[in-house]
Every structure is written in structure tokens, then in C-alpha cells.
Amino acid sequence: PQTIPVGDMPPKEHEVAYNSGQHSSSGLATAGFRTAKYLTEEWHQNNYARFYEAFADRDTSERVRHQSKRLADETEALAQRTQAESTRKLGERLHDFHFWRSELRRAIEDVLAETDLLLMQKRRLERALDATEVPYTLASDNLQCRERRLGPDLVRDVVEVELLKELE
């Protein structure tokens, strides 16, 4: 669309034409009112004004259309930048999520391994405790038998000291 600047068209001066010809009503009843018909000069003046108004309106609409297109382009560019930034941040969060999930899995595996070691140690200690029960019972029974001895047989000797050490 090409536009013709308003300044390129010569302004036209028009004289106000009075409708006082053969087909005019100049009676007293119509004084101050004009007839429904225009003079040729009036019609040209009105047509010329509408022509200039159409050019101005077209220029205004072109300007608004260009501004709207520019604004739409800027909005689209902003949306693209915002989406790219959001995608980047989402990628970073996803990376962080995977990192912490692997760290958590590793920590869980470490805790499970440590728990298994502790359970094995507990079983070993329980077996060791069970293994000490028989000697403890024997040492305790021997000391009780020695305490039931009569008079001169109640002696504190090396055997009794060793039995007491074993009970501790």
C-alpha cells in the first residue's frame, strides 16, 4: 500500500456557495435553512474533504497496523525468551532432582550395608555369649559346690580365685 502524503496534494480554497439559483427556495418559510440539493462546487468540496480524510484514515490504519505487528513480534520474542528461560530452569531442576535421587540411593545403600554388618556383628556376639554360658554355669556350679564344703575344706586357694575371675 502506497500512501500519498497530504502535503503533496495542493490545498484547494473553496468559497461558500449560496443556494440562490433557479431551483432554490428563497421563501420566508425556508429562511435560514438550505435545500436538500448541493451545488456542484459544494459537492466537489465535500468529495475533496472525504478524499483527504480517507487518505488520513488509511495512513492512521497503516500506522496502527505496523505498530500492532511490531507489538505482536515483540510479544512473540518475549514469549520465546521466557519459554527458553523456563525450559533451561526446568532442565536444571531436573538435573538437580536426578543428582539428589542418586545421592539418596547411595545413602540408602550405605545404610543398608551398615545395617547388614551390624546384624552380622549382633549374631556373632549372640553366639559368643551363648558360648560363654556353659563355662559360666560350670564355674558358678563349682563355686557353689566349694561353698557347701564343711569346716577345714573351706579354703580360699588358687582354684577358687581362678573360678571367681572366670565368673567376672
C-alpha atoms as a PDB file:
ATOM      1  CA  PRO A   1       0.000   0.000   0.000  1.00  0.00           C
ATOM      2  CA  GLN A   2       1.476   3.295  -1.096  1.00  0.00           C
ATOM      3  CA  THR A   3       0.408   6.452   0.562  1.00  0.00           C
ATOM      4  CA  ILE A   4       0.336   9.898  -0.869  1.00  0.00           C
ATOM      5  CA  PRO A   5       1.356  12.380   1.757  1.00  0.00           C
ATOM      6  CA  VAL A   6      -1.267  15.019   2.341  1.00  0.00           C
ATOM      7  CA  GLY A   7       1.326  17.728   1.748  1.00  0.00           C
ATOM      8  CA  ASP A   8       1.812  16.579  -1.876  1.00  0.00           C
ATOM      9  CA  MET A   9      -1.761  17.421  -2.800  1.00  0.00           C
ATOM     10  CA  PRO A  10      -2.449  21.125  -3.274  1.00  0.00           C
ATOM     11  CA  PRO A  11      -4.905  22.564  -0.813  1.00  0.00           C
ATOM     12  CA  LYS A  12      -7.972  23.918  -2.510  1.00  0.00           C
ATOM     13  CA  GLU A  13      -9.701  27.038  -1.345  1.00  0.00           C
ATOM     14  CA  HIS A  14     -13.448  26.984  -1.720  1.00  0.00           C
ATOM     15  CA  GLU A  15     -15.894  29.746  -1.445  1.00  0.00           C
ATOM     16  CA  VAL A  16     -19.091  29.101   0.367  1.00  0.00           C
ATOM     17  CA  ALA A  17     -21.741  28.994  -2.268  1.00  0.00           C
ATOM     18  CA  TYR A  18     -25.170  30.241  -1.505  1.00  0.00           C
ATOM     19  CA  ASN A  19     -28.033  28.335  -2.882  1.00  0.00           C
ATOM     20  CA  SER A  20     -29.910  31.133  -4.510  1.00  0.00           C
ATOM     21  CA  GLY A  21     -30.429  29.907  -8.021  1.00  0.00           C
ATOM     22  CA  GLN A  22     -33.413  28.991 -10.085  1.00  0.00           C
ATOM     23  CA  HIS A  23     -34.115  25.767  -8.184  1.00  0.00           C
ATOM     24  CA  SER A  24     -33.755  27.172  -4.731  1.00  0.00           C
ATOM     25  CA  SER A  25     -36.468  28.094  -2.394  1.00  0.00           C
ATOM     26  CA  SER A  26     -35.908  31.567  -1.113  1.00  0.00           C
ATOM     27  CA  GLY A  27     -39.219  31.982   0.567  1.00  0.00           C
ATOM     28  CA  LEU A  28     -39.712  33.226   4.086  1.00  0.00           C
ATOM     29  CA  ALA A  29     -40.617  29.735   5.390  1.00  0.00           C
ATOM     30  CA  THR A  30     -37.221  28.400   4.477  1.00  0.00           C
ATOM     31  CA  ALA A  31     -35.204  31.372   5.588  1.00  0.00           C
ATOM     32  CA  GLY A  32     -32.021  30.093   7.316  1.00  0.00           C
ATOM     33  CA  PHE A  33     -32.452  26.548   6.019  1.00  0.00           C
ATOM     34  CA  ARG A  34     -30.877  25.120   2.926  1.00  0.00           C
ATOM     35  CA  THR A  35     -32.446  22.886   0.353  1.00  0.00           C
ATOM     36  CA  ALA A  36     -31.654  19.174   0.073  1.00  0.00           C
ATOM     37  CA  LYS A  37     -29.571  19.672  -3.067  1.00  0.00           C
ATOM     38  CA  TYR A  38     -25.918  20.718  -3.103  1.00  0.00           C
ATOM     39  CA  LEU A  39     -24.278  22.949  -5.622  1.00  0.00           C
ATOM     40  CA  THR A  40     -21.599  21.321  -7.772  1.00  0.00           C
ATOM     41  CA  GLU A  41     -18.897  23.336  -6.034  1.00  0.00           C
ATOM     42  CA  GLU A  42     -20.190  22.176  -2.623  1.00  0.00           C
ATOM     43  CA  TRP A  43     -20.240  18.567  -3.821  1.00  0.00           C
ATOM     44  CA  HIS A  44     -16.622  18.838  -5.051  1.00  0.00           C
ATOM     45  CA  GLN A  45     -15.535  20.454  -1.816  1.00  0.00           C
ATOM     46  CA  ASN A  46     -17.209  17.699   0.236  1.00  0.00           C
ATOM     47  CA  ASN A  47     -15.772  14.988  -2.031  1.00  0.00           C
ATOM     48  CA  TYR A  48     -12.285  16.509  -1.775  1.00  0.00           C
ATOM     49  CA  ALA A  49     -12.567  16.635   2.047  1.00  0.00           C
ATOM     50  CA  ARG A  50     -13.666  12.992   2.156  1.00  0.00           C
ATOM     51  CA  PHE A  51     -10.791  12.086  -0.171  1.00  0.00           C
ATOM     52  CA  TYR A  52      -8.258  13.700   2.197  1.00  0.00           C
ATOM     53  CA  GLU A  53      -9.989  12.131   5.207  1.00  0.00           C
ATOM     54  CA  ALA A  54      -9.763   8.696   3.540  1.00  0.00           C
ATOM     55  CA  PHE A  55      -6.026   9.203   2.965  1.00  0.00           C
ATOM     56  CA  ALA A  56      -5.524  10.282   6.581  1.00  0.00           C
ATOM     57  CA  ASP A  57      -7.601   7.351   7.856  1.00  0.00           C
ATOM     58  CA  ARG A  58      -5.655   4.938   5.669  1.00  0.00           C
ATOM     59  CA  ASP A  59      -2.341   6.352   6.936  1.00  0.00           C
ATOM     60  CA  THR A  60      -3.562   6.065  10.515  1.00  0.00           C
ATOM     61  CA  SER A  61      -4.708   2.490   9.966  1.00  0.00           C
ATOM     62  CA  GLU A  62      -1.367   1.595   8.335  1.00  0.00           C
ATOM     63  CA  ARG A  63       0.490   3.098  11.294  1.00  0.00           C
ATOM     64  CA  VAL A  64      -1.722   1.219  13.770  1.00  0.00           C
ATOM     65  CA  ARG A  65      -1.279  -1.996  11.754  1.00  0.00           C
ATOM     66  CA  HIS A  66       2.525  -1.602  11.774  1.00  0.00           C
ATOM     67  CA  GLN A  67       2.517  -0.826  15.494  1.00  0.00           C
ATOM     68  CA  SER A  68       0.311  -3.867  16.120  1.00  0.00           C
ATOM     69  CA  LYS A  69       2.623  -6.099  14.076  1.00  0.00           C
ATOM     70  CA  ARG A  70       5.670  -4.748  15.913  1.00  0.00           C
ATOM     71  CA  LEU A  71       3.960  -5.295  19.262  1.00  0.00           C
ATOM     72  CA  ALA A  72       2.934  -8.831  18.249  1.00  0.00           C
ATOM     73  CA  ASP A  73       6.535  -9.553  17.175  1.00  0.00           C
ATOM     74  CA  GLU A  74       7.900  -8.179  20.448  1.00  0.00           C
ATOM     75  CA  THR A  75       5.362 -10.228  22.402  1.00  0.00           C
ATOM     76  CA  GLU A  76       6.289 -13.365  20.472  1.00  0.00           C
ATOM     77  CA  ALA A  77      10.008 -12.726  21.077  1.00  0.00           C
ATOM     78  CA  LEU A  78       9.342 -12.195  24.783  1.00  0.00           C
ATOM     79  CA  ALA A  79       7.318 -15.404  24.922  1.00  0.00           C
ATOM     80  CA  GLN A  80      10.149 -17.290  23.189  1.00  0.00           C
ATOM     81  CA  ARG A  81      12.742 -15.890  25.613  1.00  0.00           C
ATOM     82  CA  THR A  82      10.536 -16.661  28.594  1.00  0.00           C
ATOM     83  CA  GLN A  83       9.900 -20.197  27.372  1.00  0.00           C
ATOM     84  CA  ALA A  84      13.615 -20.755  26.715  1.00  0.00           C
ATOM     85  CA  GLU A  85      14.457 -19.497  30.210  1.00  0.00           C
ATOM     86  CA  SER A  86      11.746 -21.667  31.759  1.00  0.00           C
ATOM     87  CA  THR A  87      12.979 -24.686  29.801  1.00  0.00           C
ATOM     88  CA  ARG A  88      16.542 -24.032  30.953  1.00  0.00           C
ATOM     89  CA  LYS A  89      15.481 -23.697  34.589  1.00  0.00           C
ATOM     90  CA  LEU A  90      13.357 -26.821  34.326  1.00  0.00           C
ATOM     91  CA  GLY A  91      16.356 -28.686  32.897  1.00  0.00           C
ATOM     92  CA  GLU A  92      18.497 -27.507  35.815  1.00  0.00           C
ATOM     93  CA  ARG A  93      15.864 -28.609  38.316  1.00  0.00           C
ATOM     94  CA  LEU A  94      15.590 -31.987  36.581  1.00  0.00           C
ATOM     95  CA  HIS A  95      19.368 -32.373  36.736  1.00  0.00           C
ATOM     96  CA  ASP A  96      19.334 -31.458  40.448  1.00  0.00           C
ATOM     97  CA  PHE A  97      16.494 -33.917  41.025  1.00  0.00           C
ATOM     98  CA  HIS A  98      18.444 -36.765  39.392  1.00  0.00           C
ATOM     99  CA  PHE A  99      21.577 -35.832  41.320  1.00  0.00           C
ATOM    100  CA  TRP A 100      19.818 -35.842  44.693  1.00  0.00           C
ATOM    101  CA  ARG A 101      17.915 -39.020  43.851  1.00  0.00           C
ATOM    102  CA  SER A 102      21.207 -40.812  43.102  1.00  0.00           C
ATOM    103  CA  GLU A 103      22.720 -39.371  46.285  1.00  0.00           C
ATOM    104  CA  LEU A 104      19.732 -40.621  48.259  1.00  0.00           C
ATOM    105  CA  ARG A 105      20.000 -44.087  46.680  1.00  0.00           C
ATOM    106  CA  ARG A 106      23.692 -44.218  47.525  1.00  0.00           C
ATOM    107  CA  ALA A 107      22.975 -43.178  51.116  1.00  0.00           C
ATOM    108  CA  ILE A 108      20.227 -45.821  51.377  1.00  0.00           C
ATOM    109  CA  GLU A 109      22.612 -48.482  50.042  1.00  0.00           C
ATOM    110  CA  ASP A 110      25.259 -47.380  52.569  1.00  0.00           C
ATOM    111  CA  VAL A 111      22.736 -47.541  55.421  1.00  0.00           C
ATOM    112  CA  LEU A 112      21.541 -50.988  54.296  1.00  0.00           C
ATOM    113  CA  ALA A 113      25.124 -52.259  54.073  1.00  0.00           C
ATOM    114  CA  GLU A 114      25.901 -50.858  57.527  1.00  0.00           C
ATOM    115  CA  THR A 115      22.700 -52.432  58.898  1.00  0.00           C
ATOM    116  CA  ASP A 116      23.694 -55.808  57.435  1.00  0.00           C
ATOM    117  CA  LEU A 117      27.141 -55.503  59.038  1.00  0.00           C
ATOM    118  CA  LEU A 118      25.568 -54.610  62.382  1.00  0.00           C
ATOM    119  CA  LEU A 119      23.178 -57.587  62.163  1.00  0.00           C
ATOM    120  CA  MET A 120      26.074 -59.920  61.404  1.00  0.00           C
ATOM    121  CA  GLN A 121      28.011 -58.488  64.367  1.00  0.00           C
ATOM    122  CA  LYS A 122      24.957 -58.927  66.601  1.00  0.00           C
ATOM    123  CA  ARG A 123      24.614 -62.621  65.584  1.00  0.00           C
ATOM    124  CA  ARG A 124      28.313 -63.175  66.170  1.00  0.00           C
ATOM    125  CA  LEU A 125      28.074 -61.589  69.626  1.00  0.00           C
ATOM    126  CA  GLU A 126      24.970 -63.624  70.468  1.00  0.00           C
ATOM    127  CA  ARG A 127      26.810 -66.826  69.507  1.00  0.00           C
ATOM    128  CA  ALA A 128      29.809 -65.718  71.566  1.00  0.00           C
ATOM    129  CA  LEU A 129      27.508 -65.008  74.515  1.00  0.00           C
ATOM    130  CA  ASP A 130      25.872 -68.391  74.095  1.00  0.00           C
ATOM    131  CA  ALA A 131      29.339 -69.957  74.001  1.00  0.00           C
ATOM    132  CA  THR A 132      30.226 -68.344  77.361  1.00  0.00           C
ATOM    133  CA  GLU A 133      27.073 -69.568  79.060  1.00  0.00           C
ATOM    134  CA  VAL A 134      28.285 -73.158  79.557  1.00  0.00           C
ATOM    135  CA  PRO A 135      31.650 -72.201  81.151  1.00  0.00           C
ATOM    136  CA  TYR A 136      29.860 -69.614  83.327  1.00  0.00           C
ATOM    137  CA  THR A 137      27.381 -72.223  84.515  1.00  0.00           C
ATOM    138  CA  LEU A 138      30.189 -74.679  85.235  1.00  0.00           C
ATOM    139  CA  ALA A 139      32.250 -72.089  87.151  1.00  0.00           C
ATOM    140  CA  SER A 140      29.219 -70.972  89.142  1.00  0.00           C
ATOM    141  CA  ASP A 141      28.260 -74.584  89.941  1.00  0.00           C
ATOM    142  CA  ASN A 142      31.833 -75.368  91.049  1.00  0.00           C
ATOM    143  CA  LEU A 143      31.894 -72.323  93.368  1.00  0.00           C
ATOM    144  CA  GLN A 144      28.563 -73.354  94.897  1.00  0.00           C
ATOM    145  CA  CYS A 145      29.917 -76.857  95.462  1.00  0.00           C
ATOM    146  CA  ARG A 146      33.024 -75.418  97.132  1.00  0.00           C
ATOM    147  CA  GLU A 147      30.873 -73.241  99.427  1.00  0.00           C
ATOM    148  CA  ARG A 148      28.967 -76.327 100.643  1.00  0.00           C
ATOM    149  CA  ARG A 149      32.152 -77.865 101.976  1.00  0.00           C
ATOM    150  CA  LEU A 150      32.455 -78.303 105.676  1.00  0.00           C
ATOM    151  CA  GLY A 151      34.918 -76.766 108.076  1.00  0.00           C
ATOM    152  CA  PRO A 152      38.560 -77.362 107.168  1.00  0.00           C
ATOM    153  CA  ASP A 153      37.684 -77.972 103.479  1.00  0.00           C
ATOM    154  CA  LEU A 154      36.515 -74.323 103.127  1.00  0.00           C
ATOM    155  CA  VAL A 155      39.773 -72.964 101.771  1.00  0.00           C
ATOM    156  CA  ARG A 156      40.443 -69.999  99.599  1.00  0.00           C
ATOM    157  CA  ASP A 157      43.000 -71.333  97.199  1.00  0.00           C
ATOM    158  CA  VAL A 158      44.229 -70.627  93.642  1.00  0.00           C
ATOM    159  CA  VAL A 159      41.406 -72.690  92.117  1.00  0.00           C
ATOM    160  CA  GLU A 160      38.724 -70.586  93.865  1.00  0.00           C
ATOM    161  CA  VAL A 161      40.424 -67.342  92.777  1.00  0.00           C
ATOM    162  CA  GLU A 162      40.504 -68.535  89.164  1.00  0.00           C
ATOM    163  CA  LEU A 163      36.843 -69.580  89.348  1.00  0.00           C
ATOM    164  CA  LEU A 164      35.913 -66.090  90.652  1.00  0.00           C
ATOM    165  CA  LYS A 165      37.906 -64.475  87.851  1.00  0.00           C
ATOM    166  CA  GLU A 166      36.050 -66.614  85.340  1.00  0.00           C
ATOM    167  CA  LEU A 167      32.684 -65.505  86.739  1.00  0.00           C
ATOM    168  CA  GLU A 168      33.572 -61.884  86.340  1.00  0.00           C
END
